[in-house]
Amino acid sequence: MSNYLQCTDRQNPAQAAILPLMRAAVLDDYQRRAGEFADWGSLAPQVEVDFFHESIRAEALAQTLSDYEILVLMRERTRFPREVLEQLPALKLLVTTGMRNASVDVAYLRERGVVVAGTGGGGVAPGLPSTVEVAWALILAVYKRVTFEDRALRAGAWQVDFPRNLAGATLGLAGLGRLGGAMVAPARVFGMEVIAWSQNLTDERAAELGVRRVTKAELLAGADVLSIHLVLSERTRGLLGAGDLAQMKPSAVLINTSRGPIVDERALIDALRTGAIAAAGLDVFDREPLPRDHELLRLENTVLLPHLGYVSENGFRAMYGEAVEDIAAFVQGAPVRVLE
């Protein structure tokens, strides 16, 4: 394929420009809907766009994407460490939905002169309502035994065990930022007490939301439902390990709609298997998509979702729409929403 495309200005035939033809790869379009969520055609003729619907294996990333100048990533569905990026010599622009992506070596790309742009830089958080709703869907599914009783009913059983009441239970929030804070109002409606902890949580923020700030140990010991709403970083990776899970009530439920590696996955599996905690509702995992033979799939005291926390049609339209804007601005030589 030629690297350049002849473009003629019909209003002024005397002016003709040779425009660079760049190729963009939109990755991990699981639902095969990205093409309809934004005006990708507006990028023609400068940019040709290809959509990848299945995850590309880590060992095949470099070979598959080596000729692309532009990559569009949906959050952290695919990891791009330095050793992969070094094998993408054509790469000039990487667009990630959101304004951070822990799965990309942004520092290396910056050193190399590759522009990294995001979406939602104006404070727009299209995934916020969806993430909070998914967290509550998991809480209710576990506490009211929705999936467990559904499976039993289909197998011919009737009322296998007792649902539990949220009223009077304690919701523990690991993280009280935008997402954690949005969990408080529904908890009040259900009649729950709310406690919170994070490494940076202040008394002022807790008081603002009417939440009791506690220590990490108090959070683990006091929560009937522990819901995680922290950003994955080197400080939070593995934040909850075997020793932490052992401090929780045997009746406690762990909910994770943030990032899988914040909880030691091996320790969590052991805690669920031995009854150290009662159940878990998980939307995120160490490896995504979750392998078909993963141990979590064999545990009956789990409710599992395929990372739906930020997934909604409205959210995807906003994110992909801004991704197209990012590409157009880059082509025009004036990049926007550049990650710092």
C-alpha atoms as a PDB file:
ATOM      1  CA  MET A   1       0.000   0.000   0.000  1.00  0.00           C
ATOM      2  CA  SER A   2       1.301   3.442  -0.894  1.00  0.00           C
ATOM      3  CA  ASN A   3       2.255   5.710   1.966  1.00  0.00           C
ATOM      4  CA  TYR A   4       0.802   8.736   0.171  1.00  0.00           C
ATOM      5  CA  LEU A   5      -2.541   9.612  -1.357  1.00  0.00           C
ATOM      6  CA  GLN A   6      -3.230  12.171  -4.060  1.00  0.00           C
ATOM      7  CA  CYS A   7      -5.942  14.597  -2.947  1.00  0.00           C
ATOM      8  CA  THR A   8      -7.413  17.195  -5.286  1.00  0.00           C
ATOM      9  CA  ASP A   9      -9.136  20.372  -4.125  1.00  0.00           C
ATOM     10  CA  ARG A  10     -12.249  20.521  -6.353  1.00  0.00           C
ATOM     11  CA  GLN A  11     -12.959  24.169  -5.514  1.00  0.00           C
ATOM     12  CA  ASN A  12      -9.508  25.145  -6.608  1.00  0.00           C
ATOM     13  CA  PRO A  13      -8.204  22.551  -9.077  1.00  0.00           C
ATOM     14  CA  ALA A  14      -4.923  24.420  -9.284  1.00  0.00           C
ATOM     15  CA  GLN A  15      -4.218  23.425  -5.695  1.00  0.00           C
ATOM     16  CA  ALA A  16      -3.384  19.795  -5.240  1.00  0.00           C
ATOM     17  CA  ALA A  17      -1.885  18.317  -2.130  1.00  0.00           C
ATOM     18  CA  ILE A  18      -0.106  15.091  -1.421  1.00  0.00           C
ATOM     19  CA  LEU A  19      -1.531  13.971   1.889  1.00  0.00           C
ATOM     20  CA  PRO A  20       0.054  11.204   3.942  1.00  0.00           C
ATOM     21  CA  LEU A  21      -2.115   8.105   4.175  1.00  0.00           C
ATOM     22  CA  MET A  22      -1.996   6.775   7.712  1.00  0.00           C
ATOM     23  CA  ARG A  23      -3.498   3.566   8.970  1.00  0.00           C
ATOM     24  CA  ALA A  24      -5.354   3.403  12.279  1.00  0.00           C
ATOM     25  CA  ALA A  25      -6.127   0.217  14.199  1.00  0.00           C
ATOM     26  CA  VAL A  26      -9.088   0.243  16.583  1.00  0.00           C
ATOM     27  CA  LEU A  27      -8.452  -2.627  18.981  1.00  0.00           C
ATOM     28  CA  ASP A  28     -10.671  -4.920  21.058  1.00  0.00           C
ATOM     29  CA  ASP A  29     -13.999  -3.954  19.526  1.00  0.00           C
ATOM     30  CA  TYR A  30     -15.638  -6.893  21.308  1.00  0.00           C
ATOM     31  CA  GLN A  31     -19.211  -5.946  20.455  1.00  0.00           C
ATOM     32  CA  ARG A  32     -18.364  -5.055  16.830  1.00  0.00           C
ATOM     33  CA  ARG A  33     -20.009  -1.675  17.350  1.00  0.00           C
ATOM     34  CA  ALA A  34     -17.125   0.827  17.331  1.00  0.00           C
ATOM     35  CA  GLY A  35     -17.639   1.553  13.648  1.00  0.00           C
ATOM     36  CA  GLU A  36     -21.147   2.912  14.241  1.00  0.00           C
ATOM     37  CA  PHE A  37     -20.336   4.904  17.377  1.00  0.00           C
ATOM     38  CA  ALA A  38     -18.269   7.623  15.679  1.00  0.00           C
ATOM     39  CA  ASP A  39     -17.774   9.252  12.291  1.00  0.00           C
ATOM     40  CA  TRP A  40     -14.601   7.418  11.336  1.00  0.00           C
ATOM     41  CA  GLY A  41     -15.288   8.221   7.682  1.00  0.00           C
ATOM     42  CA  SER A  42     -14.597  11.886   8.427  1.00  0.00           C
ATOM     43  CA  LEU A  43     -10.906  10.961   8.719  1.00  0.00           C
ATOM     44  CA  ALA A  44     -10.703   9.978   5.041  1.00  0.00           C
ATOM     45  CA  PRO A  45      -8.731  10.326   2.890  1.00  0.00           C
ATOM     46  CA  GLN A  46      -5.864  10.988   5.311  1.00  0.00           C
ATOM     47  CA  VAL A  47      -6.566   8.019   7.570  1.00  0.00           C
ATOM     48  CA  GLU A  48      -7.703   4.491   6.795  1.00  0.00           C
ATOM     49  CA  VAL A  49      -9.302   2.730   9.776  1.00  0.00           C
ATOM     50  CA  ASP A  50      -9.320  -1.002  10.554  1.00  0.00           C
ATOM     51  CA  PHE A  51     -11.290  -2.591  13.399  1.00  0.00           C
ATOM     52  CA  PHE A  52     -10.074  -5.594  15.381  1.00  0.00           C
ATOM     53  CA  HIS A  53     -12.898  -7.462  17.116  1.00  0.00           C
ATOM     54  CA  GLU A  54     -10.933 -10.191  18.894  1.00  0.00           C
ATOM     55  CA  SER A  55      -8.099  -9.710  21.356  1.00  0.00           C
ATOM     56  CA  ILE A  56      -4.694 -10.000  19.738  1.00  0.00           C
ATOM     57  CA  ARG A  57      -2.404 -12.406  21.570  1.00  0.00           C
ATOM     58  CA  ALA A  58       0.513 -10.679  23.265  1.00  0.00           C
ATOM     59  CA  GLU A  59       3.042 -12.575  21.158  1.00  0.00           C
ATOM     60  CA  ALA A  60       1.277 -11.496  17.944  1.00  0.00           C
ATOM     61  CA  LEU A  61       0.850  -7.782  18.713  1.00  0.00           C
ATOM     62  CA  ALA A  62       4.042  -6.539  17.091  1.00  0.00           C
ATOM     63  CA  GLN A  63       3.595  -8.518  13.888  1.00  0.00           C
ATOM     64  CA  THR A  64      -0.083  -7.600  13.558  1.00  0.00           C
ATOM     65  CA  LEU A  65       0.298  -3.883  14.243  1.00  0.00           C
ATOM     66  CA  SER A  66       3.784  -3.067  12.916  1.00  0.00           C
ATOM     67  CA  ASP A  67       2.495  -1.098   9.898  1.00  0.00           C
ATOM     68  CA  TYR A  68       0.012   1.076  11.778  1.00  0.00           C
ATOM     69  CA  GLU A  69       0.782   4.708  12.517  1.00  0.00           C
ATOM     70  CA  ILE A  70      -2.210   5.105  14.850  1.00  0.00           C
ATOM     71  CA  LEU A  71      -3.570   2.819  17.567  1.00  0.00           C
ATOM     72  CA  VAL A  72      -6.909   3.362  19.307  1.00  0.00           C
ATOM     73  CA  LEU A  73      -7.242   1.489  22.599  1.00  0.00           C
ATOM     74  CA  MET A  74     -10.396   0.887  24.604  1.00  0.00           C
ATOM     75  CA  ARG A  75      -9.178   1.460  28.154  1.00  0.00           C
ATOM     76  CA  GLU A  76      -6.771  -1.261  29.302  1.00  0.00           C
ATOM     77  CA  ARG A  77      -8.054  -4.212  27.298  1.00  0.00           C
ATOM     78  CA  THR A  78      -4.616  -4.824  25.729  1.00  0.00           C
ATOM     79  CA  ARG A  79      -1.247  -4.253  27.399  1.00  0.00           C
ATOM     80  CA  PHE A  80       1.467  -2.344  25.560  1.00  0.00           C
ATOM     81  CA  PRO A  81       4.688  -2.589  27.572  1.00  0.00           C
ATOM     82  CA  ARG A  82       7.925  -1.155  26.214  1.00  0.00           C
ATOM     83  CA  GLU A  83       9.064  -4.450  24.698  1.00  0.00           C
ATOM     84  CA  VAL A  84       6.000  -4.477  22.450  1.00  0.00           C
ATOM     85  CA  LEU A  85       6.062  -0.778  21.614  1.00  0.00           C
ATOM     86  CA  GLU A  86       9.705  -1.024  20.554  1.00  0.00           C
ATOM     87  CA  GLN A  87       8.561  -3.338  17.775  1.00  0.00           C
ATOM     88  CA  LEU A  88       6.066  -0.816  16.366  1.00  0.00           C
ATOM     89  CA  PRO A  89       8.340   1.482  14.339  1.00  0.00           C
ATOM     90  CA  ALA A  90       5.515   3.164  12.389  1.00  0.00           C
ATOM     91  CA  LEU A  91       3.594   4.280  15.476  1.00  0.00           C
ATOM     92  CA  LYS A  92       3.055   8.058  15.639  1.00  0.00           C
ATOM     93  CA  LEU A  93      -0.145   8.419  17.680  1.00  0.00           C
ATOM     94  CA  LEU A  94      -1.701   6.289  20.402  1.00  0.00           C
ATOM     95  CA  VAL A  95      -5.223   7.160  21.534  1.00  0.00           C
ATOM     96  CA  THR A  96      -6.622   5.629  24.693  1.00  0.00           C
ATOM     97  CA  THR A  97     -10.134   6.121  25.975  1.00  0.00           C
ATOM     98  CA  GLY A  98      -9.917   7.843  29.326  1.00  0.00           C
ATOM     99  CA  MET A  99      -7.098  10.112  30.411  1.00  0.00           C
ATOM    100  CA  ARG A 100      -4.888   7.400  31.863  1.00  0.00           C
ATOM    101  CA  ASN A 101      -3.906   3.887  30.862  1.00  0.00           C
ATOM    102  CA  ALA A 102      -1.788   1.815  33.235  1.00  0.00           C
ATOM    103  CA  SER A 103      -1.299  -0.839  30.553  1.00  0.00           C
ATOM    104  CA  VAL A 104       0.725   1.420  28.249  1.00  0.00           C
ATOM    105  CA  ASP A 105       4.312   2.559  28.784  1.00  0.00           C
ATOM    106  CA  VAL A 106       3.457   6.209  28.199  1.00  0.00           C
ATOM    107  CA  ALA A 107       6.857   7.401  29.432  1.00  0.00           C
ATOM    108  CA  TYR A 108       8.637   5.387  26.751  1.00  0.00           C
ATOM    109  CA  LEU A 109       6.338   6.684  24.016  1.00  0.00           C
ATOM    110  CA  ARG A 110       6.920  10.239  25.181  1.00  0.00           C
ATOM    111  CA  GLU A 111      10.687   9.669  24.990  1.00  0.00           C
ATOM    112  CA  ARG A 112      10.272   8.355  21.467  1.00  0.00           C
ATOM    113  CA  GLY A 113       8.197  11.301  20.352  1.00  0.00           C
ATOM    114  CA  VAL A 114       4.955   9.359  19.931  1.00  0.00           C
ATOM    115  CA  VAL A 115       1.898  11.427  20.844  1.00  0.00           C
ATOM    116  CA  VAL A 116      -0.403   9.817  23.423  1.00  0.00           C
ATOM    117  CA  ALA A 117      -3.903  11.281  23.568  1.00  0.00           C
ATOM    118  CA  GLY A 118      -6.937  10.427  25.678  1.00  0.00           C
ATOM    119  CA  THR A 119     -10.640  11.121  25.888  1.00  0.00           C
ATOM    120  CA  GLY A 120     -12.747  12.846  28.523  1.00  0.00           C
ATOM    121  CA  GLY A 121     -10.071  15.407  29.275  1.00  0.00           C
ATOM    122  CA  GLY A 122     -12.686  18.054  30.005  1.00  0.00           C
ATOM    123  CA  GLY A 123     -13.903  16.218  33.085  1.00  0.00           C
ATOM    124  CA  VAL A 124     -16.403  14.081  31.179  1.00  0.00           C
ATOM    125  CA  ALA A 125     -16.744  10.676  32.834  1.00  0.00           C
ATOM    126  CA  PRO A 126     -19.090   8.629  30.611  1.00  0.00           C
ATOM    127  CA  GLY A 127     -18.181   5.441  32.452  1.00  0.00           C
ATOM    128  CA  LEU A 128     -19.045   6.768  35.921  1.00  0.00           C
ATOM    129  CA  PRO A 129     -22.770   5.910  36.080  1.00  0.00           C
ATOM    130  CA  SER A 130     -22.213   2.515  34.476  1.00  0.00           C
ATOM    131  CA  THR A 131     -19.421   1.535  36.863  1.00  0.00           C
ATOM    132  CA  VAL A 132     -21.437   2.445  39.950  1.00  0.00           C
ATOM    133  CA  GLU A 133     -24.489   0.619  38.607  1.00  0.00           C
ATOM    134  CA  VAL A 134     -22.423  -2.497  37.891  1.00  0.00           C
ATOM    135  CA  ALA A 135     -20.990  -2.397  41.412  1.00  0.00           C
ATOM    136  CA  TRP A 136     -24.492  -2.313  42.873  1.00  0.00           C
ATOM    137  CA  ALA A 137     -25.660  -5.011  40.457  1.00  0.00           C
ATOM    138  CA  LEU A 138     -22.906  -7.259  41.802  1.00  0.00           C
ATOM    139  CA  ILE A 139     -23.713  -6.417  45.419  1.00  0.00           C
ATOM    140  CA  LEU A 140     -27.392  -7.191  44.922  1.00  0.00           C
ATOM    141  CA  ALA A 141     -26.674 -10.317  42.898  1.00  0.00           C
ATOM    142  CA  VAL A 142     -24.535 -11.720  45.698  1.00  0.00           C
ATOM    143  CA  TYR A 143     -26.646 -10.581  48.657  1.00  0.00           C
ATOM    144  CA  LYS A 144     -29.961 -11.603  47.083  1.00  0.00           C
ATOM    145  CA  ARG A 145     -28.444 -14.735  45.531  1.00  0.00           C
ATOM    146  CA  VAL A 146     -29.744 -13.764  42.086  1.00  0.00           C
ATOM    147  CA  THR A 147     -27.402 -15.841  39.956  1.00  0.00           C
ATOM    148  CA  PHE A 148     -27.154 -18.693  42.449  1.00  0.00           C
ATOM    149  CA  GLU A 149     -30.913 -19.169  42.735  1.00  0.00           C
ATOM    150  CA  ASP A 150     -31.354 -18.666  38.987  1.00  0.00           C
ATOM    151  CA  ARG A 151     -29.005 -21.588  38.296  1.00  0.00           C
ATOM    152  CA  ALA A 152     -30.669 -23.727  40.968  1.00  0.00           C
ATOM    153  CA  LEU A 153     -34.157 -22.964  39.679  1.00  0.00           C
ATOM    154  CA  ARG A 154     -33.188 -23.950  36.148  1.00  0.00           C
ATOM    155  CA  ALA A 155     -31.821 -27.214  37.576  1.00  0.00           C
ATOM    156  CA  GLY A 156     -35.147 -27.987  39.273  1.00  0.00           C
ATOM    157  CA  ALA A 157     -34.502 -26.706  42.815  1.00  0.00           C
ATOM    158  CA  TRP A 158     -36.588 -24.173  44.750  1.00  0.00           C
ATOM    159  CA  GLN A 159     -35.259 -21.770  47.404  1.00  0.00           C
ATOM    160  CA  VAL A 160     -31.865 -23.309  48.047  1.00  0.00           C
ATOM    161  CA  ASP A 161     -30.671 -20.827  50.685  1.00  0.00           C
ATOM    162  CA  PHE A 162     -31.507 -17.511  52.352  1.00  0.00           C
ATOM    163  CA  PRO A 163     -30.909 -14.104  50.737  1.00  0.00           C
ATOM    164  CA  ARG A 164     -29.435 -11.465  53.012  1.00  0.00           C
ATOM    165  CA  ASN A 165     -30.624  -7.937  53.760  1.00  0.00           C
ATOM    166  CA  LEU A 166     -28.542  -4.883  52.976  1.00  0.00           C
ATOM    167  CA  ALA A 167     -30.429  -2.850  55.584  1.00  0.00           C
ATOM    168  CA  GLY A 168     -28.283  -2.668  58.685  1.00  0.00           C
ATOM    169  CA  ALA A 169     -25.179  -3.987  56.906  1.00  0.00           C
ATOM    170  CA  THR A 170     -21.961  -1.990  56.586  1.00  0.00           C
ATOM    171  CA  LEU A 171     -20.614  -0.947  53.203  1.00  0.00           C
ATOM    172  CA  GLY A 172     -16.853  -0.495  53.274  1.00  0.00           C
ATOM    173  CA  LEU A 173     -15.378   1.607  50.500  1.00  0.00           C
ATOM    174  CA  ALA A 174     -11.727   1.301  49.545  1.00  0.00           C
ATOM    175  CA  GLY A 175     -11.480   4.654  47.818  1.00  0.00           C
ATOM    176  CA  LEU A 176     -13.771   7.665  48.127  1.00  0.00           C
ATOM    177  CA  GLY A 177     -13.109   9.527  44.890  1.00  0.00           C
ATOM    178  CA  ARG A 178     -15.723  10.106  42.193  1.00  0.00           C
ATOM    179  CA  LEU A 179     -16.662   6.431  41.954  1.00  0.00           C
ATOM    180  CA  GLY A 180     -16.454   5.625  45.637  1.00  0.00           C
ATOM    181  CA  GLY A 181     -18.353   8.776  46.490  1.00  0.00           C
ATOM    182  CA  ALA A 182     -21.144   7.854  44.066  1.00  0.00           C
ATOM    183  CA  MET A 183     -21.652   4.605  45.998  1.00  0.00           C
ATOM    184  CA  VAL A 184     -22.754   6.424  49.143  1.00  0.00           C
ATOM    185  CA  ALA A 185     -26.237   7.637  48.196  1.00  0.00           C
ATOM    186  CA  PRO A 186     -27.549   4.202  47.093  1.00  0.00           C
ATOM    187  CA  ALA A 187     -26.136   2.692  50.287  1.00  0.00           C
ATOM    188  CA  ARG A 188     -28.140   5.205  52.331  1.00  0.00           C
ATOM    189  CA  VAL A 189     -31.300   4.292  50.417  1.00  0.00           C
ATOM    190  CA  PHE A 190     -30.740   0.641  51.318  1.00  0.00           C
ATOM    191  CA  GLY A 191     -30.233   1.561  54.975  1.00  0.00           C
ATOM    192  CA  MET A 192     -26.524   0.733  55.144  1.00  0.00           C
ATOM    193  CA  GLU A 193     -23.820   2.268  57.276  1.00  0.00           C
ATOM    194  CA  VAL A 194     -20.874   3.468  55.196  1.00  0.00           C
ATOM    195  CA  ILE A 195     -17.222   3.468  56.188  1.00  0.00           C
ATOM    196  CA  ALA A 196     -14.272   4.341  53.970  1.00  0.00           C
ATOM    197  CA  TRP A 197     -10.500   4.179  53.768  1.00  0.00           C
ATOM    198  CA  SER A 198      -7.802   5.031  51.304  1.00  0.00           C
ATOM    199  CA  GLN A 199      -4.213   6.110  51.615  1.00  0.00           C
ATOM    200  CA  ASN A 200      -5.153   9.688  50.740  1.00  0.00           C
ATOM    201  CA  LEU A 201      -8.604   9.987  52.294  1.00  0.00           C
ATOM    202  CA  THR A 202      -9.054  13.097  54.418  1.00  0.00           C
ATOM    203  CA  ASP A 203     -11.493  13.848  57.227  1.00  0.00           C
ATOM    204  CA  GLU A 204     -12.887  16.676  55.103  1.00  0.00           C
ATOM    205  CA  ARG A 205     -13.750  14.398  52.174  1.00  0.00           C
ATOM    206  CA  ALA A 206     -15.341  11.811  54.466  1.00  0.00           C
ATOM    207  CA  ALA A 207     -17.372  14.497  56.264  1.00  0.00           C
ATOM    208  CA  GLU A 208     -18.485  15.961  52.936  1.00  0.00           C
ATOM    209  CA  LEU A 209     -20.197  12.653  52.108  1.00  0.00           C
ATOM    210  CA  GLY A 210     -21.279  11.814  55.653  1.00  0.00           C
ATOM    211  CA  VAL A 211     -19.007   8.765  55.736  1.00  0.00           C
ATOM    212  CA  ARG A 212     -16.972   7.523  58.679  1.00  0.00           C
ATOM    213  CA  ARG A 213     -13.252   7.475  57.861  1.00  0.00           C
ATOM    214  CA  VAL A 214     -11.505   4.406  59.286  1.00  0.00           C
ATOM    215  CA  THR A 215      -8.134   2.719  59.180  1.00  0.00           C
ATOM    216  CA  LYS A 216      -7.443  -0.045  56.698  1.00  0.00           C
ATOM    217  CA  ALA A 217      -7.669  -2.630  59.467  1.00  0.00           C
ATOM    218  CA  GLU A 218     -11.025  -1.205  60.603  1.00  0.00           C
ATOM    219  CA  LEU A 219     -12.300  -1.251  57.033  1.00  0.00           C
ATOM    220  CA  LEU A 220     -11.426  -4.921  56.589  1.00  0.00           C
ATOM    221  CA  ALA A 221     -12.831  -5.992  59.943  1.00  0.00           C
ATOM    222  CA  GLY A 222     -15.991  -3.890  59.793  1.00  0.00           C
ATOM    223  CA  ALA A 223     -17.218  -4.247  56.195  1.00  0.00           C
ATOM    224  CA  ASP A 224     -20.029  -6.639  55.375  1.00  0.00           C
ATOM    225  CA  VAL A 225     -19.553  -5.558  51.766  1.00  0.00           C
ATOM    226  CA  LEU A 226     -16.106  -4.305  50.754  1.00  0.00           C
ATOM    227  CA  SER A 227     -16.213  -2.449  47.428  1.00  0.00           C
ATOM    228  CA  ILE A 228     -12.988  -1.331  45.740  1.00  0.00           C
ATOM    229  CA  HIS A 229     -12.800   2.026  43.962  1.00  0.00           C
ATOM    230  CA  LEU A 230      -9.090   2.771  43.694  1.00  0.00           C
ATOM    231  CA  VAL A 231      -6.865   3.591  40.741  1.00  0.00           C
ATOM    232  CA  LEU A 232      -4.357   0.857  39.871  1.00  0.00           C
ATOM    233  CA  SER A 233      -0.809   2.051  40.526  1.00  0.00           C
ATOM    234  CA  GLU A 234       2.392   0.634  41.902  1.00  0.00           C
ATOM    235  CA  ARG A 235       1.123   1.661  45.342  1.00  0.00           C
ATOM    236  CA  THR A 236      -2.222  -0.140  45.004  1.00  0.00           C
ATOM    237  CA  ARG A 237      -1.105  -3.223  43.068  1.00  0.00           C
ATOM    238  CA  GLY A 238      -1.554  -6.199  45.405  1.00  0.00           C
ATOM    239  CA  LEU A 239      -2.988  -3.884  48.064  1.00  0.00           C
ATOM    240  CA  LEU A 240      -5.249  -6.644  49.386  1.00  0.00           C
ATOM    241  CA  GLY A 241      -3.356  -9.866  49.955  1.00  0.00           C
ATOM    242  CA  ALA A 242      -3.880 -13.033  51.953  1.00  0.00           C
ATOM    243  CA  GLY A 243      -3.270 -11.314  55.283  1.00  0.00           C
ATOM    244  CA  ASP A 244      -5.776  -8.592  54.490  1.00  0.00           C
ATOM    245  CA  LEU A 245      -8.484 -11.007  53.366  1.00  0.00           C
ATOM    246  CA  ALA A 246      -7.951 -12.993  56.562  1.00  0.00           C
ATOM    247  CA  GLN A 247      -8.976  -9.911  58.565  1.00  0.00           C
ATOM    248  CA  MET A 248     -12.412  -9.800  56.910  1.00  0.00           C
ATOM    249  CA  LYS A 249     -15.547 -11.404  58.327  1.00  0.00           C
ATOM    250  CA  PRO A 250     -16.259 -14.945  57.099  1.00  0.00           C
ATOM    251  CA  SER A 251     -19.658 -13.583  56.052  1.00  0.00           C
ATOM    252  CA  ALA A 252     -18.162 -10.664  54.120  1.00  0.00           C
ATOM    253  CA  VAL A 253     -18.473 -10.059  50.391  1.00  0.00           C
ATOM    254  CA  LEU A 254     -15.760  -8.481  48.242  1.00  0.00           C
ATOM    255  CA  ILE A 255     -16.742  -6.413  45.182  1.00  0.00           C
ATOM    256  CA  ASN A 256     -14.173  -5.282  42.623  1.00  0.00           C
ATOM    257  CA  THR A 257     -15.140  -3.073  39.694  1.00  0.00           C
ATOM    258  CA  SER A 258     -11.817  -1.206  39.678  1.00  0.00           C
ATOM    259  CA  ARG A 259      -8.833  -3.273  38.484  1.00  0.00           C
ATOM    260  CA  GLY A 260      -8.075  -6.928  39.107  1.00  0.00           C
ATOM    261  CA  PRO A 261      -4.447  -6.615  40.277  1.00  0.00           C
ATOM    262  CA  ILE A 262      -5.439  -4.445  43.259  1.00  0.00           C
ATOM    263  CA  VAL A 263      -6.421  -7.741  44.908  1.00  0.00           C
ATOM    264  CA  ASP A 264      -3.988 -10.661  44.991  1.00  0.00           C
ATOM    265  CA  GLU A 265      -5.947 -13.032  42.763  1.00  0.00           C
ATOM    266  CA  ARG A 266      -4.375 -16.206  44.150  1.00  0.00           C
ATOM    267  CA  ALA A 267      -5.125 -15.100  47.703  1.00  0.00           C
ATOM    268  CA  LEU A 268      -8.702 -14.237  46.757  1.00  0.00           C
ATOM    269  CA  ILE A 269      -9.296 -17.647  45.184  1.00  0.00           C
ATOM    270  CA  ASP A 270      -7.935 -19.348  48.299  1.00  0.00           C
ATOM    271  CA  ALA A 271     -10.110 -17.174  50.561  1.00  0.00           C
ATOM    272  CA  LEU A 272     -13.226 -18.009  48.548  1.00  0.00           C
ATOM    273  CA  ARG A 273     -12.397 -21.711  48.417  1.00  0.00           C
ATOM    274  CA  THR A 274     -11.711 -22.023  52.145  1.00  0.00           C
ATOM    275  CA  GLY A 275     -14.595 -19.836  53.290  1.00  0.00           C
ATOM    276  CA  ALA A 276     -12.366 -17.103  54.697  1.00  0.00           C
ATOM    277  CA  ILE A 277     -14.846 -14.759  53.001  1.00  0.00           C
ATOM    278  CA  ALA A 278     -18.348 -15.661  51.852  1.00  0.00           C
ATOM    279  CA  ALA A 279     -18.419 -14.515  48.246  1.00  0.00           C
ATOM    280  CA  ALA A 280     -17.081 -12.113  45.637  1.00  0.00           C
ATOM    281  CA  GLY A 281     -18.593 -10.096  42.814  1.00  0.00           C
ATOM    282  CA  LEU A 282     -15.928  -9.369  40.224  1.00  0.00           C
ATOM    283  CA  ASP A 283     -15.969  -7.300  37.056  1.00  0.00           C
ATOM    284  CA  VAL A 284     -12.184  -7.134  36.647  1.00  0.00           C
ATOM    285  CA  PHE A 285      -9.394  -9.684  36.569  1.00  0.00           C
ATOM    286  CA  ASP A 286      -5.628  -9.986  36.326  1.00  0.00           C
ATOM    287  CA  ARG A 287      -5.938 -11.261  32.775  1.00  0.00           C
ATOM    288  CA  GLU A 288      -8.714 -10.126  30.456  1.00  0.00           C
ATOM    289  CA  PRO A 289     -10.561 -11.633  28.720  1.00  0.00           C
ATOM    290  CA  LEU A 290     -10.724 -14.211  31.498  1.00  0.00           C
ATOM    291  CA  PRO A 291      -9.319 -17.558  30.261  1.00  0.00           C
ATOM    292  CA  ARG A 292     -11.972 -20.229  29.833  1.00  0.00           C
ATOM    293  CA  ASP A 293     -10.220 -22.584  32.253  1.00  0.00           C
ATOM    294  CA  HIS A 294      -9.708 -19.978  35.014  1.00  0.00           C
ATOM    295  CA  GLU A 295     -10.218 -21.194  38.580  1.00  0.00           C
ATOM    296  CA  LEU A 296     -12.670 -18.402  39.397  1.00  0.00           C
ATOM    297  CA  LEU A 297     -15.119 -19.876  36.900  1.00  0.00           C
ATOM    298  CA  ARG A 298     -15.282 -23.062  38.960  1.00  0.00           C
ATOM    299  CA  LEU A 299     -16.122 -21.348  42.244  1.00  0.00           C
ATOM    300  CA  GLU A 300     -19.832 -21.306  43.056  1.00  0.00           C
ATOM    301  CA  ASN A 301     -19.568 -18.358  45.475  1.00  0.00           C
ATOM    302  CA  THR A 302     -18.659 -15.843  42.780  1.00  0.00           C
ATOM    303  CA  VAL A 303     -20.628 -13.586  40.466  1.00  0.00           C
ATOM    304  CA  LEU A 304     -18.483 -12.695  37.465  1.00  0.00           C
ATOM    305  CA  LEU A 305     -18.926 -10.073  34.751  1.00  0.00           C
ATOM    306  CA  PRO A 306     -16.714  -9.394  31.686  1.00  0.00           C
ATOM    307  CA  HIS A 307     -15.457  -5.922  32.709  1.00  0.00           C
ATOM    308  CA  LEU A 308     -18.735  -4.125  32.049  1.00  0.00           C
ATOM    309  CA  GLY A 309     -18.117  -1.328  34.529  1.00  0.00           C
ATOM    310  CA  TYR A 310     -17.386   1.353  31.935  1.00  0.00           C
ATOM    311  CA  VAL A 311     -19.374  -0.266  29.112  1.00  0.00           C
ATOM    312  CA  SER A 312     -22.478   1.542  27.916  1.00  0.00           C
ATOM    313  CA  GLU A 313     -23.651   2.754  24.529  1.00  0.00           C
ATOM    314  CA  ASN A 314     -23.667   6.389  25.643  1.00  0.00           C
ATOM    315  CA  GLY A 315     -20.195   6.070  27.092  1.00  0.00           C
ATOM    316  CA  PHE A 316     -18.756   4.379  24.033  1.00  0.00           C
ATOM    317  CA  ARG A 317     -20.265   6.981  21.698  1.00  0.00           C
ATOM    318  CA  ALA A 318     -18.608   9.715  23.740  1.00  0.00           C
ATOM    319  CA  MET A 319     -15.246   7.969  23.957  1.00  0.00           C
ATOM    320  CA  TYR A 320     -14.987   6.892  20.324  1.00  0.00           C
ATOM    321  CA  GLY A 321     -16.270  10.281  19.190  1.00  0.00           C
ATOM    322  CA  GLU A 322     -13.437  11.982  21.043  1.00  0.00           C
ATOM    323  CA  ALA A 323     -10.960   9.413  19.704  1.00  0.00           C
ATOM    324  CA  VAL A 324     -11.890  10.521  16.174  1.00  0.00           C
ATOM    325  CA  GLU A 325     -11.399  14.136  17.262  1.00  0.00           C
ATOM    326  CA  ASP A 326      -7.967  13.241  18.649  1.00  0.00           C
ATOM    327  CA  ILE A 327      -6.917  11.663  15.349  1.00  0.00           C
ATOM    328  CA  ALA A 328      -8.240  14.555  13.267  1.00  0.00           C
ATOM    329  CA  ALA A 329      -6.414  17.080  15.422  1.00  0.00           C
ATOM    330  CA  PHE A 330      -3.174  15.094  15.166  1.00  0.00           C
ATOM    331  CA  VAL A 331      -3.444  14.918  11.375  1.00  0.00           C
ATOM    332  CA  GLN A 332      -3.900  18.698  11.330  1.00  0.00           C
ATOM    333  CA  GLY A 333      -0.757  19.127  13.409  1.00  0.00           C
ATOM    334  CA  ALA A 334      -2.504  20.355  16.555  1.00  0.00           C
ATOM    335  CA  PRO A 335      -2.927  17.381  18.930  1.00  0.00           C
ATOM    336  CA  VAL A 336      -5.547  17.676  21.679  1.00  0.00           C
ATOM    337  CA  ARG A 337      -6.059  15.909  25.014  1.00  0.00           C
ATOM    338  CA  VAL A 338      -2.409  14.891  25.140  1.00  0.00           C
ATOM    339  CA  LEU A 339      -1.581  12.832  28.232  1.00  0.00           C
ATOM    340  CA  GLU A 340       0.941  14.503  30.492  1.00  0.00           C
END
